[in-house]
Amino acid sequence: MKGKELKTGRGIVYYWIDRHENPQAKCIVFTHGLTANHSMFEKQTEYFKQKYTVITWDVPLHGRSRPYSDFTYKNCAYDLLGILEQE
């Protein structure tokens, strides 16, 4: 998976993508819960990347996505939207 980042005014949000060779392939995004990070989906991404583009990310204030200011779930949703628009 290729590591990338989304720079926001609140901090940098890190994510990883494995783009399927078919540009029409659907995309699956894996989002972890509290106290976890993107690495918990290693087995799932290995399986699903055969048919889909796969994205995992470190939700703000988790994993590499820190420091980060003004954490809210709304801001997390905006950041995820930013990742999807960037890709």
N, C-alpha and C. Protein backbone atom coordinates (compact mmCIF):
# COMPACT_ATOMS: atom_id res chain seq x y z
N MET A 1 0.85 -1.17 0.00
CA MET A 1 0.00 0.00 0.00
C MET A 1 0.89 1.23 0.00
N LYS A 2 0.45 2.24 -0.70
CA LYS A 2 1.22 3.47 -0.80
C LYS A 2 0.75 4.45 0.27
N GLY A 3 1.68 4.92 1.08
CA GLY A 3 1.37 5.89 2.12
C GLY A 3 1.26 7.29 1.55
N LYS A 4 0.23 8.02 1.96
CA LYS A 4 0.00 9.38 1.50
C LYS A 4 -0.47 10.23 2.67
N GLU A 5 -0.64 11.51 2.42
CA GLU A 5 -1.12 12.40 3.48
C GLU A 5 -2.06 13.46 2.93
N LEU A 6 -2.95 13.89 3.81
CA LEU A 6 -3.86 14.99 3.53
C LEU A 6 -3.52 16.10 4.51
N LYS A 7 -3.11 17.23 3.99
CA LYS A 7 -2.76 18.36 4.86
C LYS A 7 -4.01 19.21 5.07
N THR A 8 -4.35 19.42 6.34
CA THR A 8 -5.51 20.24 6.69
C THR A 8 -5.04 21.34 7.64
N GLY A 9 -5.91 22.28 7.92
CA GLY A 9 -5.60 23.33 8.88
C GLY A 9 -5.53 22.82 10.31
N ARG A 10 -5.99 21.60 10.54
CA ARG A 10 -5.99 21.01 11.88
C ARG A 10 -4.82 20.07 12.11
N GLY A 11 -4.19 19.64 11.03
CA GLY A 11 -3.07 18.71 11.11
C GLY A 11 -2.98 17.87 9.86
N ILE A 12 -2.02 16.99 9.81
CA ILE A 12 -1.85 16.09 8.68
C ILE A 12 -2.53 14.76 9.00
N VAL A 13 -3.34 14.29 8.07
CA VAL A 13 -4.02 13.01 8.21
C VAL A 13 -3.35 12.04 7.24
N TYR A 14 -2.87 10.93 7.78
CA TYR A 14 -2.16 9.95 6.98
C TYR A 14 -3.09 8.82 6.55
N TYR A 15 -2.88 8.38 5.30
CA TYR A 15 -3.68 7.27 4.79
C TYR A 15 -2.84 6.45 3.82
N TRP A 16 -3.35 5.25 3.51
CA TRP A 16 -2.67 4.31 2.64
C TRP A 16 -3.66 3.82 1.60
N ILE A 17 -3.18 3.70 0.37
CA ILE A 17 -4.07 3.29 -0.72
C ILE A 17 -3.40 2.21 -1.57
N ASP A 18 -4.21 1.28 -1.98
CA ASP A 18 -3.81 0.28 -2.96
C ASP A 18 -4.84 0.38 -4.08
N ARG A 19 -4.45 1.08 -5.14
CA ARG A 19 -5.38 1.35 -6.24
C ARG A 19 -5.43 0.13 -7.17
N HIS A 20 -6.65 -0.32 -7.46
CA HIS A 20 -6.84 -1.44 -8.36
C HIS A 20 -6.49 -1.00 -9.78
N GLU A 21 -5.98 -1.92 -10.58
CA GLU A 21 -5.58 -1.60 -11.95
C GLU A 21 -6.76 -1.19 -12.83
N ASN A 22 -7.96 -1.64 -12.49
CA ASN A 22 -9.16 -1.26 -13.23
C ASN A 22 -9.67 0.07 -12.66
N PRO A 23 -9.64 1.15 -13.44
CA PRO A 23 -10.10 2.45 -12.92
C PRO A 23 -11.59 2.47 -12.56
N GLN A 24 -12.34 1.49 -13.01
CA GLN A 24 -13.77 1.41 -12.68
C GLN A 24 -14.03 0.60 -11.41
N ALA A 25 -12.99 0.07 -10.81
CA ALA A 25 -13.16 -0.74 -9.59
C ALA A 25 -13.73 0.11 -8.46
N LYS A 26 -14.61 -0.46 -7.70
CA LYS A 26 -15.16 0.23 -6.53
C LYS A 26 -14.10 0.36 -5.46
N CYS A 27 -14.36 1.28 -4.53
CA CYS A 27 -13.40 1.57 -3.47
C CYS A 27 -13.98 1.18 -2.11
N ILE A 28 -13.15 0.56 -1.29
CA ILE A 28 -13.51 0.24 0.09
C ILE A 28 -12.60 1.04 1.00
N VAL A 29 -13.20 1.72 1.99
CA VAL A 29 -12.44 2.48 2.99
C VAL A 29 -12.60 1.80 4.33
N PHE A 30 -11.48 1.49 4.96
CA PHE A 30 -11.49 0.88 6.30
C PHE A 30 -11.19 1.96 7.33
N THR A 31 -12.08 2.09 8.31
CA THR A 31 -11.94 3.07 9.38
C THR A 31 -11.92 2.35 10.72
N HIS A 32 -10.87 2.57 11.48
CA HIS A 32 -10.71 1.90 12.77
C HIS A 32 -11.46 2.64 13.86
N GLY A 33 -11.58 1.99 15.01
CA GLY A 33 -12.20 2.59 16.18
C GLY A 33 -11.19 3.28 17.08
N LEU A 34 -11.65 3.70 18.24
CA LEU A 34 -10.79 4.39 19.19
C LEU A 34 -9.63 3.51 19.63
N THR A 35 -8.50 4.13 19.83
CA THR A 35 -7.24 3.55 20.31
C THR A 35 -6.57 2.61 19.30
N ALA A 36 -7.06 2.52 18.09
CA ALA A 36 -6.47 1.64 17.08
C ALA A 36 -5.81 2.49 15.98
N ASN A 37 -5.34 1.83 14.93
CA ASN A 37 -4.83 2.54 13.76
C ASN A 37 -5.05 1.68 12.52
N HIS A 38 -4.57 2.18 11.39
CA HIS A 38 -4.83 1.53 10.10
C HIS A 38 -4.29 0.11 10.01
N SER A 39 -3.28 -0.23 10.79
CA SER A 39 -2.62 -1.53 10.64
C SER A 39 -3.52 -2.71 11.01
N MET A 40 -4.62 -2.45 11.69
CA MET A 40 -5.49 -3.55 12.09
C MET A 40 -6.21 -4.21 10.90
N PHE A 41 -6.10 -3.58 9.72
CA PHE A 41 -6.80 -4.10 8.54
C PHE A 41 -5.88 -4.79 7.54
N GLU A 42 -4.69 -5.19 7.96
CA GLU A 42 -3.73 -5.80 7.02
C GLU A 42 -4.30 -7.02 6.30
N LYS A 43 -4.93 -7.91 7.01
CA LYS A 43 -5.49 -9.13 6.39
C LYS A 43 -6.64 -8.80 5.44
N GLN A 44 -7.48 -7.85 5.84
CA GLN A 44 -8.61 -7.48 5.00
C GLN A 44 -8.14 -6.82 3.70
N THR A 45 -7.15 -5.93 3.80
CA THR A 45 -6.70 -5.24 2.59
C THR A 45 -6.04 -6.22 1.62
N GLU A 46 -5.31 -7.20 2.13
CA GLU A 46 -4.71 -8.21 1.26
C GLU A 46 -5.79 -8.95 0.46
N TYR A 47 -6.89 -9.24 1.09
CA TYR A 47 -7.97 -9.96 0.42
C TYR A 47 -8.72 -9.07 -0.57
N PHE A 48 -9.15 -7.89 -0.14
CA PHE A 48 -10.02 -7.05 -0.95
C PHE A 48 -9.32 -6.32 -2.08
N LYS A 49 -8.00 -6.16 -2.00
CA LYS A 49 -7.30 -5.43 -3.07
C LYS A 49 -7.31 -6.19 -4.39
N GLN A 50 -7.69 -7.46 -4.35
CA GLN A 50 -7.78 -8.24 -5.59
C GLN A 50 -8.89 -7.73 -6.51
N LYS A 51 -9.94 -7.14 -5.93
CA LYS A 51 -11.09 -6.68 -6.74
C LYS A 51 -11.42 -5.21 -6.56
N TYR A 52 -10.87 -4.57 -5.54
CA TYR A 52 -11.26 -3.21 -5.20
C TYR A 52 -10.04 -2.32 -4.99
N THR A 53 -10.25 -1.02 -5.12
CA THR A 53 -9.28 -0.07 -4.59
C THR A 53 -9.53 -0.01 -3.10
N VAL A 54 -8.47 -0.05 -2.31
CA VAL A 54 -8.60 -0.12 -0.85
C VAL A 54 -7.87 1.06 -0.22
N ILE A 55 -8.55 1.72 0.72
CA ILE A 55 -7.97 2.83 1.47
C ILE A 55 -8.10 2.52 2.96
N THR A 56 -7.01 2.69 3.69
CA THR A 56 -7.05 2.69 5.15
C THR A 56 -6.49 4.02 5.61
N TRP A 57 -6.86 4.45 6.79
CA TRP A 57 -6.34 5.73 7.27
C TRP A 57 -6.21 5.71 8.77
N ASP A 58 -5.35 6.57 9.26
CA ASP A 58 -5.27 6.80 10.70
C ASP A 58 -6.17 7.98 11.01
N VAL A 59 -7.28 7.69 11.65
CA VAL A 59 -8.22 8.74 12.04
C VAL A 59 -7.45 9.78 12.86
N PRO A 60 -7.80 11.07 12.74
CA PRO A 60 -7.10 12.11 13.51
C PRO A 60 -6.95 11.74 14.99
N LEU A 61 -5.78 12.04 15.53
CA LEU A 61 -5.34 11.74 16.89
C LEU A 61 -5.05 10.26 17.12
N HIS A 62 -4.91 9.48 16.05
CA HIS A 62 -4.58 8.07 16.14
C HIS A 62 -3.42 7.78 15.20
N GLY A 63 -2.61 6.79 15.55
CA GLY A 63 -1.50 6.40 14.68
C GLY A 63 -0.62 7.58 14.33
N ARG A 64 -0.34 7.75 13.05
CA ARG A 64 0.53 8.85 12.59
C ARG A 64 -0.20 10.18 12.49
N SER A 65 -1.52 10.19 12.55
CA SER A 65 -2.31 11.42 12.33
C SER A 65 -2.38 12.29 13.59
N ARG A 66 -1.21 12.64 14.08
CA ARG A 66 -1.10 13.56 15.20
C ARG A 66 0.22 14.29 15.11
N PRO A 67 0.32 15.47 15.60
CA PRO A 67 -0.68 16.21 16.36
C PRO A 67 -1.84 16.64 15.45
N TYR A 68 -2.95 16.94 16.08
CA TYR A 68 -4.17 17.34 15.38
C TYR A 68 -4.98 18.19 16.35
N SER A 69 -5.49 19.31 15.89
CA SER A 69 -6.26 20.19 16.77
C SER A 69 -7.74 20.19 16.37
N ASP A 70 -8.58 20.49 17.34
CA ASP A 70 -10.02 20.61 17.13
C ASP A 70 -10.64 19.30 16.63
N PHE A 71 -10.38 18.20 17.35
CA PHE A 71 -10.95 16.92 16.98
C PHE A 71 -12.45 16.93 17.21
N THR A 72 -13.19 16.64 16.17
CA THR A 72 -14.63 16.35 16.25
C THR A 72 -14.92 15.28 15.20
N TYR A 73 -16.00 14.56 15.37
CA TYR A 73 -16.36 13.57 14.35
C TYR A 73 -16.71 14.26 13.05
N LYS A 74 -17.25 15.45 13.14
CA LYS A 74 -17.56 16.21 11.93
C LYS A 74 -16.28 16.53 11.16
N ASN A 75 -15.24 16.96 11.87
CA ASN A 75 -13.97 17.24 11.21
C ASN A 75 -13.36 15.97 10.63
N CYS A 76 -13.52 14.84 11.31
CA CYS A 76 -13.04 13.57 10.76
C CYS A 76 -13.76 13.25 9.45
N ALA A 77 -15.06 13.49 9.41
CA ALA A 77 -15.81 13.24 8.18
C ALA A 77 -15.32 14.15 7.05
N TYR A 78 -15.05 15.42 7.37
CA TYR A 78 -14.50 16.33 6.36
C TYR A 78 -13.14 15.85 5.87
N ASP A 79 -12.32 15.35 6.79
CA ASP A 79 -11.00 14.86 6.40
C ASP A 79 -11.11 13.63 5.51
N LEU A 80 -12.01 12.73 5.84
CA LEU A 80 -12.20 11.55 5.00
C LEU A 80 -12.71 11.97 3.62
N LEU A 81 -13.62 12.91 3.57
CA LEU A 81 -14.08 13.44 2.28
C LEU A 81 -12.91 14.03 1.51
N GLY A 82 -12.03 14.73 2.19
CA GLY A 82 -10.85 15.29 1.54
C GLY A 82 -9.96 14.21 0.95
N ILE A 83 -9.80 13.10 1.65
CA ILE A 83 -9.01 11.98 1.13
C ILE A 83 -9.67 11.43 -0.13
N LEU A 84 -10.96 11.23 -0.08
CA LEU A 84 -11.68 10.68 -1.23
C LEU A 84 -11.60 11.63 -2.43
N GLU A 85 -11.72 12.92 -2.18
CA GLU A 85 -11.60 13.89 -3.28
C GLU A 85 -10.19 13.92 -3.83
N GLN A 86 -9.21 13.78 -2.97
CA GLN A 86 -7.82 13.79 -3.41
C GLN A 86 -7.50 12.58 -4.28
N GLU A 87 -8.14 11.48 -4.00
CA GLU A 87 -7.89 10.25 -4.75
C GLU A 87 -8.85 10.06 -5.91
